[in-house]
């Protein structure tokens, strides 16, 4: 990718994925069926037996979400409207009586390696039962070497497991405006391979959001500036709801 294209891609990332910061807004509840996705987009393997046992025994569950701007909820005004908060709310409804804490450790504009450097202090110190690791966007924008990216994924998964946590990977957001300027394909493939090789759950956010866009559930193109924060909040709510359902299914 040439430097002008990289600069354009970075600008589009800011405009389409990490708009803000803006004033926090509470998004409206999803319309019936708005968050639905085809069953084949919600993987059933691998399972999460440790999480299943904690839910069954009504033991406290600690989840740490580490990632970039979308994890931090920048586009929707901050962590209160980000998908980790919506995930906590949805899991609490699915498992009443279980103390569920989702800790948001999203920091914008970090590569996979830069996130790994934060694992000890920001992730493992909380002694999580599950780590949700959202990564790949910045690596793709910066055209990181695929082999280096893949190696970093493997190193990160190993570090998290050595710290006693189960791992769920989350791939990039989908936006049709970016498809022609950023080649996410190799990075999506690397995430798929890492999940397969390490028997890790992959939440396919890219294809889920693509489905919502293609089916008309969410219009991601030419969104007026004054509507962007509300749209981001709605999408994050649906991601949290969908992720909760996926985790619940994997933990059965």
Protein backbone atom coordinates (compact mmCIF):
# COMPACT_ATOMS: atom_id res chain seq x y z
CA UNK A 1 0.00 0.00 0.00
CA UNK A 2 1.47 3.37 -1.06
CA UNK A 3 1.86 6.18 1.43
CA UNK A 4 -1.00 8.31 -0.04
CA UNK A 5 -3.34 5.33 0.22
CA UNK A 6 -2.21 4.66 3.77
CA UNK A 7 -2.92 8.27 4.69
CA UNK A 8 -6.35 8.09 3.07
CA UNK A 9 -7.07 4.81 4.84
CA UNK A 10 -6.09 6.29 8.17
CA UNK A 11 -8.36 9.27 7.56
CA UNK A 12 -11.25 6.99 6.68
CA UNK A 13 -10.67 4.91 9.80
CA UNK A 14 -10.98 8.07 11.86
CA UNK A 15 -14.08 9.20 10.00
CA UNK A 16 -15.89 5.89 9.80
CA UNK A 17 -14.78 3.87 12.80
CA UNK A 18 -13.50 6.14 15.53
CA UNK A 19 -15.55 9.31 15.17
CA UNK A 20 -15.17 11.58 18.16
CA UNK A 21 -14.70 11.99 20.93
CA UNK A 22 -18.30 13.13 21.21
CA UNK A 23 -20.77 13.74 23.99
CA UNK A 24 -21.99 10.47 25.46
CA UNK A 25 -25.47 9.45 24.33
CA UNK A 26 -27.54 6.51 25.48
CA UNK A 27 -28.62 4.67 22.30
CA UNK A 28 -32.17 3.51 21.92
CA UNK A 29 -32.90 -0.14 22.60
CA UNK A 30 -32.55 -2.30 19.49
CA UNK A 31 -35.66 -2.81 17.44
CA UNK A 32 -37.00 -6.39 17.52
CA UNK A 33 -34.77 -8.51 15.31
CA UNK A 34 -32.35 -5.67 14.62
CA UNK A 35 -29.42 -7.49 16.21
CA UNK A 36 -30.22 -10.89 14.70
CA UNK A 37 -27.54 -12.67 12.65
CA UNK A 38 -27.52 -16.02 10.83
CA UNK A 39 -26.57 -18.93 13.05
CA UNK A 40 -23.53 -19.75 10.93
CA UNK A 41 -21.94 -16.41 11.89
CA UNK A 42 -22.00 -17.38 15.58
CA UNK A 43 -19.42 -20.13 15.97
CA UNK A 44 -20.19 -22.95 18.40
CA UNK A 45 -16.59 -24.20 18.68
CA UNK A 46 -14.43 -24.08 20.64
CA UNK A 47 -16.37 -24.16 23.84
CA UNK A 48 -15.60 -22.30 27.07
CA UNK A 49 -15.95 -24.92 29.82
CA UNK A 50 -14.39 -22.77 32.54
CA UNK A 51 -16.90 -20.01 31.91
CA UNK A 52 -19.71 -22.56 31.75
CA UNK A 53 -18.80 -23.90 35.19
CA UNK A 54 -18.72 -20.43 36.74
CA UNK A 55 -22.14 -19.59 35.30
CA UNK A 56 -23.54 -22.94 36.48
CA UNK A 57 -22.10 -22.58 39.98
CA UNK A 58 -23.10 -18.90 40.16
CA UNK A 59 -19.52 -17.86 40.82
CA UNK A 60 -18.35 -14.32 40.00
CA UNK A 61 -17.17 -13.84 36.43
CA UNK A 62 -14.52 -11.30 35.44
CA UNK A 63 -14.03 -10.47 31.77
CA UNK A 64 -11.43 -8.03 30.43
CA UNK A 65 -11.94 -6.53 26.98
CA UNK A 66 -8.74 -5.16 25.46
CA UNK A 67 -8.68 -3.51 22.08
CA UNK A 68 -8.71 -0.25 20.21
CA UNK A 69 -11.03 2.69 19.67
CA UNK A 70 -14.14 0.58 19.12
CA UNK A 71 -13.56 -1.25 22.40
CA UNK A 72 -13.07 2.11 24.12
CA UNK A 73 -16.36 3.27 22.56
CA UNK A 74 -14.86 6.46 21.14
CA UNK A 75 -17.39 6.72 18.32
CA UNK A 76 -20.33 6.53 20.73
CA UNK A 77 -18.97 8.89 23.36
CA UNK A 78 -16.97 6.59 25.60
CA UNK A 79 -16.98 3.31 27.54
CA UNK A 80 -20.52 3.74 28.88
CA UNK A 81 -21.86 3.13 25.37
CA UNK A 82 -19.18 0.70 24.18
CA UNK A 83 -19.81 -2.96 23.44
CA UNK A 84 -18.09 -4.22 26.65
CA UNK A 85 -20.66 -2.34 28.75
CA UNK A 86 -23.51 -3.68 26.59
CA UNK A 87 -22.02 -7.16 26.92
CA UNK A 88 -22.05 -6.90 30.71
CA UNK A 89 -25.69 -5.78 30.68
CA UNK A 90 -26.73 -8.58 28.34
CA UNK A 91 -24.87 -11.28 30.31
CA UNK A 92 -26.45 -10.03 33.53
CA UNK A 93 -29.89 -10.58 31.98
CA UNK A 94 -28.92 -14.06 30.79
CA UNK A 95 -27.42 -15.03 34.16
CA UNK A 96 -29.32 -13.32 36.97
CA UNK A 97 -27.70 -13.82 40.33
CA UNK A 98 -24.19 -14.11 38.90
CA UNK A 99 -21.82 -11.21 39.61
CA UNK A 100 -20.47 -10.35 36.15
CA UNK A 101 -17.85 -7.66 35.65
CA UNK A 102 -16.60 -6.61 32.22
CA UNK A 103 -13.54 -4.37 32.45
CA UNK A 104 -12.88 -2.13 29.46
CA UNK A 105 -9.21 -1.66 28.56
CA UNK A 106 -9.63 -0.20 25.10
CA UNK A 107 -6.90 2.22 23.94
CA UNK A 108 -7.08 3.73 20.43
CA UNK A 109 -4.43 3.34 17.74
CA UNK A 110 -2.43 0.44 19.19
CA UNK A 111 -0.97 -2.46 17.24
CA UNK A 112 -1.23 -6.05 18.35
CA UNK A 113 2.29 -5.92 19.82
CA UNK A 114 1.52 -2.70 21.68
CA UNK A 115 -1.54 -4.33 23.24
CA UNK A 116 0.50 -7.35 24.33
CA UNK A 117 2.83 -4.99 26.20
CA UNK A 118 -0.20 -3.97 28.31
CA UNK A 119 -1.34 -7.49 29.17
CA UNK A 120 0.50 -7.79 32.47
CA UNK A 121 -0.73 -4.53 34.01
CA UNK A 122 -4.03 -3.93 32.23
CA UNK A 123 -5.37 -7.45 31.74
CA UNK A 124 -3.85 -10.22 33.83
CA UNK A 125 -3.68 -8.13 37.00
CA UNK A 126 -7.51 -8.34 37.13
CA UNK A 127 -7.31 -12.16 37.17
CA UNK A 128 -9.93 -12.50 34.42
CA UNK A 129 -11.77 -15.70 33.63
CA UNK A 130 -12.03 -14.57 30.01
CA UNK A 131 -10.14 -12.04 27.90
CA UNK A 132 -11.82 -10.56 24.84
CA UNK A 133 -9.02 -9.39 22.53
CA UNK A 134 -10.10 -7.09 19.70
CA UNK A 135 -7.21 -6.46 17.33
CA UNK A 136 -6.02 -6.16 13.74
CA UNK A 137 -7.34 -2.81 12.56
CA UNK A 138 -4.23 -0.72 13.22
CA UNK A 139 -1.97 -3.49 11.93
CA UNK A 140 -3.92 -3.50 8.65
CA UNK A 141 -3.91 0.30 8.34
CA UNK A 142 -0.14 0.34 8.89
CA UNK A 143 0.36 -2.59 6.49
CA UNK A 144 2.17 -4.65 9.13
CA UNK A 145 3.94 -7.75 7.87
CA UNK A 146 1.46 -10.62 8.00
CA UNK A 147 4.00 -13.04 9.45
CA UNK A 148 4.80 -10.56 12.23
CA UNK A 149 1.10 -10.05 12.91
CA UNK A 150 0.46 -13.81 13.03
CA UNK A 151 3.42 -14.34 15.36
CA UNK A 152 2.17 -11.57 17.65
CA UNK A 153 -1.27 -13.19 17.81
CA UNK A 154 0.23 -16.50 18.83
CA UNK A 155 2.47 -14.86 21.43
CA UNK A 156 -0.46 -12.92 22.87
CA UNK A 157 -2.73 -15.94 23.11
CA UNK A 158 0.02 -17.89 24.86
CA UNK A 159 0.61 -15.05 27.33
CA UNK A 160 -3.07 -14.78 28.20
CA UNK A 161 -3.46 -18.51 28.69
CA UNK A 162 -0.31 -18.63 30.81
CA UNK A 163 -2.00 -16.03 32.99
CA UNK A 164 -4.95 -18.36 33.54
CA UNK A 165 -7.51 -16.75 31.21
CA UNK A 166 -9.61 -18.18 28.43
CA UNK A 167 -9.37 -16.14 25.22
CA UNK A 168 -11.82 -14.86 22.65
CA UNK A 169 -10.50 -13.01 19.59
CA UNK A 170 -12.54 -10.27 17.93
CA UNK A 171 -11.65 -9.22 14.41
CA UNK A 172 -12.08 -5.85 12.72
CA UNK A 173 -15.17 -3.73 12.15
CA UNK A 174 -16.71 -3.76 8.67
CA UNK A 175 -17.40 -0.58 6.78
CA UNK A 176 -18.05 -0.65 3.01
CA UNK A 177 -16.27 2.67 2.53
CA UNK A 178 -12.98 1.08 3.57
CA UNK A 179 -13.15 -2.05 1.42
CA UNK A 180 -11.40 -0.48 -1.57
CA UNK A 181 -8.57 1.21 0.33
CA UNK A 182 -7.60 -1.21 3.12
CA UNK A 183 -6.86 -4.87 2.43
CA UNK A 184 -8.22 -6.48 5.57
CA UNK A 185 -8.28 -9.93 3.95
CA UNK A 186 -4.81 -11.20 4.97
CA UNK A 187 -5.30 -9.97 8.54
CA UNK A 188 -8.73 -11.58 8.80
CA UNK A 189 -7.19 -14.81 7.52
CA UNK A 190 -4.39 -14.58 10.08
CA UNK A 191 -6.94 -14.19 12.87
CA UNK A 192 -8.87 -17.19 11.55
CA UNK A 193 -5.69 -19.29 11.47
CA UNK A 194 -4.67 -18.21 14.97
CA UNK A 195 -8.10 -19.18 16.29
CA UNK A 196 -7.93 -22.57 14.59
CA UNK A 197 -4.34 -23.36 15.58
CA UNK A 198 -4.77 -22.32 19.19
CA UNK A 199 -8.35 -23.57 19.62
CA UNK A 200 -9.55 -20.09 20.46
CA UNK A 201 -13.06 -18.69 20.05
CA UNK A 202 -13.23 -16.09 17.25
CA UNK A 203 -16.10 -13.61 17.31
CA UNK A 204 -16.43 -12.70 13.62
CA UNK A 205 -17.39 -9.06 14.05
CA UNK A 206 -16.35 -8.25 10.47
CA UNK A 207 -18.82 -10.65 8.86
CA UNK A 208 -21.54 -9.89 11.41
CA UNK A 209 -21.35 -6.16 10.64
CA UNK A 210 -21.13 -6.91 6.94
CA UNK A 211 -24.35 -8.89 7.23
CA UNK A 212 -26.05 -6.02 9.05
CA UNK A 213 -24.87 -3.61 6.35
CA UNK A 214 -25.75 -5.81 3.35
CA UNK A 215 -29.17 -6.71 4.79
CA UNK A 216 -30.04 -3.08 5.48
CA UNK A 217 -30.11 -3.47 9.27
CA UNK A 218 -27.64 -0.59 9.57
CA UNK A 219 -26.73 2.01 6.97
CA UNK A 220 -22.98 2.53 7.26
CA UNK A 221 -22.58 4.76 4.20
CA UNK A 222 -22.82 8.57 4.11
CA UNK A 223 -24.09 8.85 7.68
CA UNK A 224 -24.76 12.52 8.64
CA UNK A 225 -22.33 13.77 11.24
CA UNK A 226 -25.06 14.43 13.79
CA UNK A 227 -26.26 10.81 13.47
CA UNK A 228 -22.88 9.07 13.72
CA UNK A 229 -22.65 8.80 17.51
CA UNK A 230 -26.18 7.40 17.83
CA UNK A 231 -25.48 4.88 15.05
CA UNK A 232 -22.25 3.78 16.72
CA UNK A 233 -24.11 3.35 20.00
CA UNK A 234 -26.76 1.19 18.35
CA UNK A 235 -24.13 -0.97 16.67
CA UNK A 236 -22.17 -1.37 19.90
CA UNK A 237 -25.36 -2.37 21.70
CA UNK A 238 -26.09 -5.00 19.06
CA UNK A 239 -22.50 -6.23 19.20
CA UNK A 240 -22.76 -6.58 22.98
CA UNK A 241 -26.06 -8.44 22.70
CA UNK A 242 -24.75 -10.73 19.96
CA UNK A 243 -21.49 -11.36 21.81
CA UNK A 244 -23.39 -12.26 24.97
CA UNK A 245 -25.44 -14.78 23.05
CA UNK A 246 -22.30 -16.23 21.46
CA UNK A 247 -20.55 -16.55 24.82
CA UNK A 248 -23.63 -18.11 26.39
CA UNK A 249 -23.81 -20.64 23.58
CA UNK A 250 -20.09 -21.48 23.90
CA UNK A 251 -20.47 -21.83 27.67
CA UNK A 252 -23.36 -24.27 27.62
